[in-house]
Amino acid sequence: MPNLELPGGRKLAYREDGSGSPLVLVHGSPGEGRSWARVVPHLKDRFRTICPDLPGYGGSDRLEADEPAGRMDAMGAAVARLVERLADSLGAPVRLVGHSYGGNIALQAALQVQAGAVERIVLLEPVYFRALQLTGDEAALKPAAAHFEDYARRATAGEPEVVRLMIDYWFGDGAFGRMPDPVRGYLSASAARNAIDVRSSFLGTSTAAELAALQCPVMIVDGETSQEIVRSIARALVTLLPNARMEGLAGANHGMLDTHPEAVARLIAT
């Protein structure tokens, strides 16, 4: 499995497949680059797909400090380094895609790379609560903040299967209980680490001016059956980003990578 050397001797591992123009796919939390396994087959004939394991997941080393403050910046910097290496080696800009928390990291990476390194961004239901803060949408922000702080507190304390509060919120009531035992086990074991990512989603530091300076096209995708807050976040990002638009995905929710991989790939390849 190839990897990219990061400052401090740490490494960012990634999976690579296909050929064509470079496409970096950033997974959500908790997860690994293989979260894109059902989507990549629909893209690899046209793109060189790069699926990194975010720091602390899969084959990638952890961050120096595992704490919410500055976490999105640090993870974004790791992905930005990968994007810039690809852009420099190929002499061409990179398409950047992120799902859920990976959408936050993809956007943060795009804010940190050199101008022209990113051709286009696709954000699949990003949990970018910073956009609600910047646009003053307290009606959408406050209930979500209360729900996820309760979850993060209980996950940090080690409450068994509390991860269902996160899964059922994004994937629908009872979704956690319907998952196979190995998946539930993985999610439960990853809850404390996921809680750090969740808290970091509410501690973003990007400014409206920084987002307004991002000139590349951005598509923000929401599932038709998803929580209304994903559309609130998307609308806020469309307000903040100068070249952004929303796109709905019929019949899908937050689990679109698994349930609608071909449709997701089609949107990415547009």
Protein backbone atom coordinates (compact mmCIF):
# COMPACT_ATOMS: atom_id res chain seq x y z
CA MET A 1 0.00 0.00 0.00
CA PRO A 2 1.68 3.29 -1.06
CA ASN A 3 2.06 6.13 1.39
CA LEU A 4 3.05 9.78 1.55
CA GLU A 5 5.59 11.02 4.08
CA LEU A 6 4.24 13.75 6.33
CA PRO A 7 6.12 16.14 8.65
CA GLY A 8 7.37 14.49 11.82
CA GLY A 9 8.06 11.16 10.11
CA ARG A 10 4.40 10.17 9.94
CA LYS A 11 2.80 8.62 6.86
CA LEU A 12 -0.49 8.92 5.01
CA ALA A 13 -1.43 5.61 3.38
CA TYR A 14 -3.63 5.46 0.29
CA ARG A 15 -5.12 3.08 -2.24
CA GLU A 16 -4.73 3.70 -5.95
CA ASP A 17 -6.62 2.28 -8.94
CA GLY A 18 -7.47 3.09 -12.54
CA SER A 19 -5.93 5.53 -14.99
CA GLY A 20 -6.68 8.99 -16.27
CA SER A 21 -6.90 12.35 -14.56
CA PRO A 22 -6.33 12.23 -10.76
CA LEU A 23 -9.28 11.95 -8.42
CA VAL A 24 -8.80 12.02 -4.63
CA LEU A 25 -11.65 10.45 -2.61
CA VAL A 26 -11.77 11.27 1.12
CA HIS A 27 -13.72 8.94 3.43
CA GLY A 28 -15.87 9.85 6.43
CA SER A 29 -15.50 9.03 10.13
CA PRO A 30 -14.99 6.38 11.29
CA GLY A 31 -13.75 4.74 8.12
CA GLU A 32 -10.90 4.03 5.73
CA GLY A 33 -10.13 4.58 2.07
CA ARG A 34 -11.84 1.29 1.27
CA SER A 35 -15.15 3.01 2.11
CA TRP A 36 -15.13 3.91 -1.61
CA ALA A 37 -14.87 0.26 -2.73
CA ARG A 38 -18.29 0.21 -4.41
CA VAL A 39 -17.83 3.59 -6.10
CA VAL A 40 -14.31 3.16 -7.52
CA PRO A 41 -15.24 0.44 -10.09
CA HIS A 42 -17.53 2.99 -11.77
CA LEU A 43 -14.72 5.57 -11.97
CA LYS A 44 -11.44 3.74 -12.59
CA ASP A 45 -11.86 3.50 -16.37
CA ARG A 46 -11.83 7.30 -16.55
CA PHE A 47 -9.87 8.42 -13.48
CA ARG A 48 -6.80 7.56 -11.48
CA THR A 49 -8.53 7.15 -8.13
CA ILE A 50 -6.59 7.88 -4.93
CA CYS A 51 -8.31 6.87 -1.67
CA PRO A 52 -6.30 7.96 1.38
CA ASP A 53 -6.76 6.63 4.89
CA LEU A 54 -7.18 9.74 7.01
CA PRO A 55 -4.63 10.14 9.84
CA GLY A 56 -5.34 7.63 12.58
CA TYR A 57 -7.40 5.35 10.34
CA GLY A 58 -6.45 2.29 8.30
CA GLY A 59 -2.74 2.29 7.44
CA SER A 60 -2.11 5.96 8.24
CA ASP A 61 -0.31 7.19 11.33
CA ARG A 62 -2.19 9.17 13.94
CA LEU A 63 -1.88 12.89 14.40
CA GLU A 64 0.59 14.10 17.02
CA ALA A 65 -2.28 15.27 19.23
CA ASP A 66 -5.64 13.49 19.16
CA GLU A 67 -7.90 16.33 20.18
CA PRO A 68 -10.76 18.18 18.44
CA ALA A 69 -9.18 21.65 18.27
CA GLY A 70 -7.27 22.03 15.03
CA ARG A 71 -8.06 18.47 13.91
CA MET A 72 -9.76 19.45 10.65
CA ASP A 73 -6.86 21.80 9.86
CA ALA A 74 -4.30 19.03 10.48
CA MET A 75 -6.17 16.38 8.50
CA GLY A 76 -6.82 18.89 5.74
CA ALA A 77 -3.11 19.68 5.60
CA ALA A 78 -2.29 15.97 5.15
CA VAL A 79 -4.74 15.64 2.25
CA ALA A 80 -3.58 18.96 0.81
CA ARG A 81 -0.01 17.63 0.71
CA LEU A 82 -1.22 14.59 -1.24
CA VAL A 83 -3.23 16.75 -3.67
CA GLU A 84 -0.29 19.07 -4.30
CA ARG A 85 2.10 16.16 -4.90
CA LEU A 86 -0.29 14.72 -7.48
CA ALA A 87 -0.82 18.10 -9.14
CA ASP A 88 2.93 18.77 -9.28
CA SER A 89 3.84 15.32 -10.60
CA LEU A 90 1.20 15.37 -13.33
CA GLY A 91 1.21 19.04 -14.18
CA ALA A 92 -2.58 19.03 -13.92
CA PRO A 93 -5.14 19.98 -11.27
CA VAL A 94 -6.85 17.30 -9.17
CA ARG A 95 -10.52 16.57 -8.58
CA LEU A 96 -11.26 16.36 -4.87
CA VAL A 97 -14.24 14.49 -3.38
CA GLY A 98 -15.28 13.99 0.23
CA HIS A 99 -18.12 12.15 1.96
CA SER A 100 -19.53 13.21 5.35
CA TYR A 101 -16.60 14.17 7.63
CA GLY A 102 -14.38 13.56 4.61
CA GLY A 103 -16.24 16.42 2.93
CA ASN A 104 -15.05 18.69 5.74
CA ILE A 105 -11.48 17.51 5.22
CA ALA A 106 -11.68 17.85 1.44
CA LEU A 107 -12.91 21.42 1.76
CA GLN A 108 -10.26 22.22 4.36
CA ALA A 109 -7.59 20.75 2.07
CA ALA A 110 -8.80 22.86 -0.83
CA LEU A 111 -8.40 25.98 1.30
CA GLN A 112 -4.78 25.04 2.03
CA VAL A 113 -3.43 24.05 -1.39
CA GLN A 114 -1.82 26.37 -3.90
CA ALA A 115 -4.16 28.10 -6.32
CA GLY A 116 -4.93 25.91 -9.32
CA ALA A 117 -4.09 22.58 -7.63
CA VAL A 118 -7.79 21.63 -7.38
CA GLU A 119 -9.92 21.53 -10.52
CA ARG A 120 -13.28 20.72 -8.96
CA ILE A 121 -14.74 19.64 -5.61
CA VAL A 122 -17.65 17.30 -4.88
CA LEU A 123 -18.96 17.21 -1.31
CA LEU A 124 -21.30 14.33 -0.50
CA GLU A 125 -23.34 15.38 2.54
CA PRO A 126 -20.49 17.20 4.30
CA VAL A 127 -21.02 17.64 8.05
CA TYR A 128 -19.59 21.14 7.81
CA PHE A 129 -21.35 22.75 10.77
CA ARG A 130 -19.00 25.73 10.47
CA ALA A 131 -21.11 26.87 7.50
CA LEU A 132 -24.17 27.14 9.78
CA GLN A 133 -22.14 29.16 12.27
CA LEU A 134 -20.93 31.55 9.58
CA THR A 135 -24.42 32.08 8.15
CA GLY A 136 -26.07 32.36 11.56
CA ASP A 137 -28.47 29.43 11.07
CA GLU A 138 -28.99 28.77 14.78
CA ALA A 139 -32.29 26.97 14.18
CA ALA A 140 -30.46 24.17 12.37
CA LEU A 141 -27.25 24.33 14.39
CA LYS A 142 -28.42 24.24 18.01
CA PRO A 143 -30.34 20.91 18.00
CA ALA A 144 -27.53 19.19 16.10
CA ALA A 145 -24.89 20.59 18.46
CA ALA A 146 -26.83 19.38 21.50
CA HIS A 147 -27.37 15.90 20.03
CA PHE A 148 -23.76 15.38 19.04
CA GLU A 149 -22.24 16.81 22.20
CA ASP A 150 -24.37 14.34 24.18
CA TYR A 151 -23.15 11.54 21.90
CA ALA A 152 -19.49 12.64 22.09
CA ARG A 153 -19.59 12.87 25.89
CA ARG A 154 -21.05 9.38 26.23
CA ALA A 155 -18.74 7.89 23.58
CA THR A 156 -15.69 9.38 25.30
CA ALA A 157 -16.89 7.83 28.57
CA GLY A 158 -16.99 4.41 26.86
CA GLU A 159 -20.74 3.78 26.92
CA PRO A 160 -21.39 0.53 24.98
CA GLU A 161 -23.02 0.90 21.55
CA VAL A 162 -23.62 4.63 22.03
CA VAL A 163 -22.40 5.01 18.45
CA ARG A 164 -25.98 4.15 17.45
CA LEU A 165 -26.85 7.80 18.29
CA MET A 166 -24.56 8.93 15.49
CA ILE A 167 -25.45 6.19 13.00
CA ASP A 168 -29.24 6.43 13.43
CA TYR A 169 -29.11 10.24 13.17
CA TRP A 170 -27.45 10.15 9.73
CA PHE A 171 -28.73 6.83 8.33
CA GLY A 172 -32.23 6.65 9.80
CA ASP A 173 -33.88 5.18 12.90
CA GLY A 174 -32.82 1.59 13.53
CA ALA A 175 -29.98 1.69 10.99
CA PHE A 176 -27.35 0.62 13.52
CA GLY A 177 -29.39 -2.39 14.61
CA ARG A 178 -29.76 -3.58 11.00
CA MET A 179 -26.02 -3.58 10.35
CA PRO A 180 -24.04 -6.86 10.36
CA ASP A 181 -22.37 -7.77 13.66
CA PRO A 182 -18.80 -7.09 12.40
CA VAL A 183 -19.80 -3.60 11.24
CA ARG A 184 -21.50 -2.80 14.54
CA GLY A 185 -18.42 -4.07 16.35
CA TYR A 186 -16.09 -1.87 14.30
CA LEU A 187 -18.27 1.21 14.79
CA SER A 188 -18.58 0.63 18.54
CA ALA A 189 -14.82 0.16 18.88
CA SER A 190 -14.25 3.40 16.92
CA ALA A 191 -16.79 5.53 18.79
CA ALA A 192 -14.31 7.38 21.04
CA ARG A 193 -12.15 8.33 18.06
CA ASN A 194 -15.21 9.30 16.05
CA ALA A 195 -16.29 11.55 18.94
CA ILE A 196 -13.09 13.57 18.44
CA ASP A 197 -13.98 14.05 14.76
CA VAL A 198 -17.57 14.96 15.64
CA ARG A 199 -16.46 17.63 18.10
CA SER A 200 -13.95 19.01 15.60
CA SER A 201 -16.82 19.51 13.12
CA PHE A 202 -18.19 22.18 15.46
CA LEU A 203 -14.79 23.80 16.03
CA GLY A 204 -13.89 24.82 12.49
CA THR A 205 -11.87 28.01 12.11
CA SER A 206 -12.37 28.81 8.43
CA THR A 207 -13.62 32.32 7.78
CA ALA A 208 -16.25 33.52 5.33
CA ALA A 209 -13.48 35.38 3.48
CA GLU A 210 -11.43 32.20 3.06
CA LEU A 211 -14.41 30.30 1.69
CA ALA A 212 -15.31 33.19 -0.62
CA ALA A 213 -11.79 33.03 -2.09
CA LEU A 214 -12.23 29.42 -3.24
CA GLN A 215 -12.88 29.84 -6.95
CA CYS A 216 -13.10 26.27 -8.27
CA PRO A 217 -16.54 24.74 -8.95
CA VAL A 218 -18.09 22.93 -5.98
CA MET A 219 -21.00 20.48 -6.13
CA ILE A 220 -22.75 19.67 -2.83
CA VAL A 221 -24.82 16.48 -2.95
CA ASP A 222 -27.64 15.61 -0.55
CA GLY A 223 -29.74 12.46 -0.39
CA GLU A 224 -33.47 12.77 -0.96
CA THR A 225 -34.32 10.88 2.24
CA SER A 226 -31.58 12.37 4.43
CA GLN A 227 -31.93 14.61 7.49
CA GLU A 228 -32.98 18.15 6.64
CA ILE A 229 -29.79 19.46 8.22
CA VAL A 230 -27.73 18.20 5.27
CA ARG A 231 -29.67 20.59 3.05
CA SER A 232 -29.25 23.38 5.60
CA ILE A 233 -25.48 22.86 5.48
CA ALA A 234 -25.55 22.68 1.67
CA ARG A 235 -27.55 25.92 1.40
CA ALA A 236 -25.13 27.63 3.76
CA LEU A 237 -22.15 26.50 1.71
CA VAL A 238 -23.79 27.72 -1.50
CA THR A 239 -24.11 31.12 0.19
CA LEU A 240 -20.46 31.11 1.29
CA LEU A 241 -18.73 29.62 -1.77
CA PRO A 242 -18.70 31.70 -4.98
CA ASN A 243 -19.04 28.83 -7.45
CA ALA A 244 -21.13 26.21 -5.63
CA ARG A 245 -24.37 24.45 -6.42
CA MET A 246 -26.57 21.80 -4.83
CA GLU A 247 -27.53 18.48 -6.38
CA GLY A 248 -30.04 16.00 -4.96
CA LEU A 249 -29.71 12.23 -5.19
CA ALA A 250 -33.08 10.47 -5.50
CA GLY A 251 -33.83 7.73 -2.99
CA ALA A 252 -30.52 8.12 -1.17
CA ASN A 253 -29.45 9.04 2.35
CA HIS A 254 -26.09 9.38 4.11
CA GLY A 255 -25.21 5.79 3.14
CA MET A 256 -25.15 6.67 -0.57
CA LEU A 257 -21.65 5.25 -1.15
CA ASP A 258 -23.03 1.77 -0.50
CA THR A 259 -26.63 2.09 -1.70
CA HIS A 260 -26.14 4.28 -4.80
CA PRO A 261 -22.50 3.83 -5.88
CA GLU A 262 -23.14 4.15 -9.62
CA ALA A 263 -25.21 7.32 -9.20
CA VAL A 264 -22.56 8.78 -6.89
CA ALA A 265 -19.86 7.98 -9.43
CA ARG A 266 -21.90 9.62 -12.17
CA LEU A 267 -22.14 12.85 -10.17
CA ILE A 268 -18.43 12.78 -9.42
CA ALA A 269 -17.57 12.28 -13.08
CA THR A 270 -19.87 15.04 -14.35
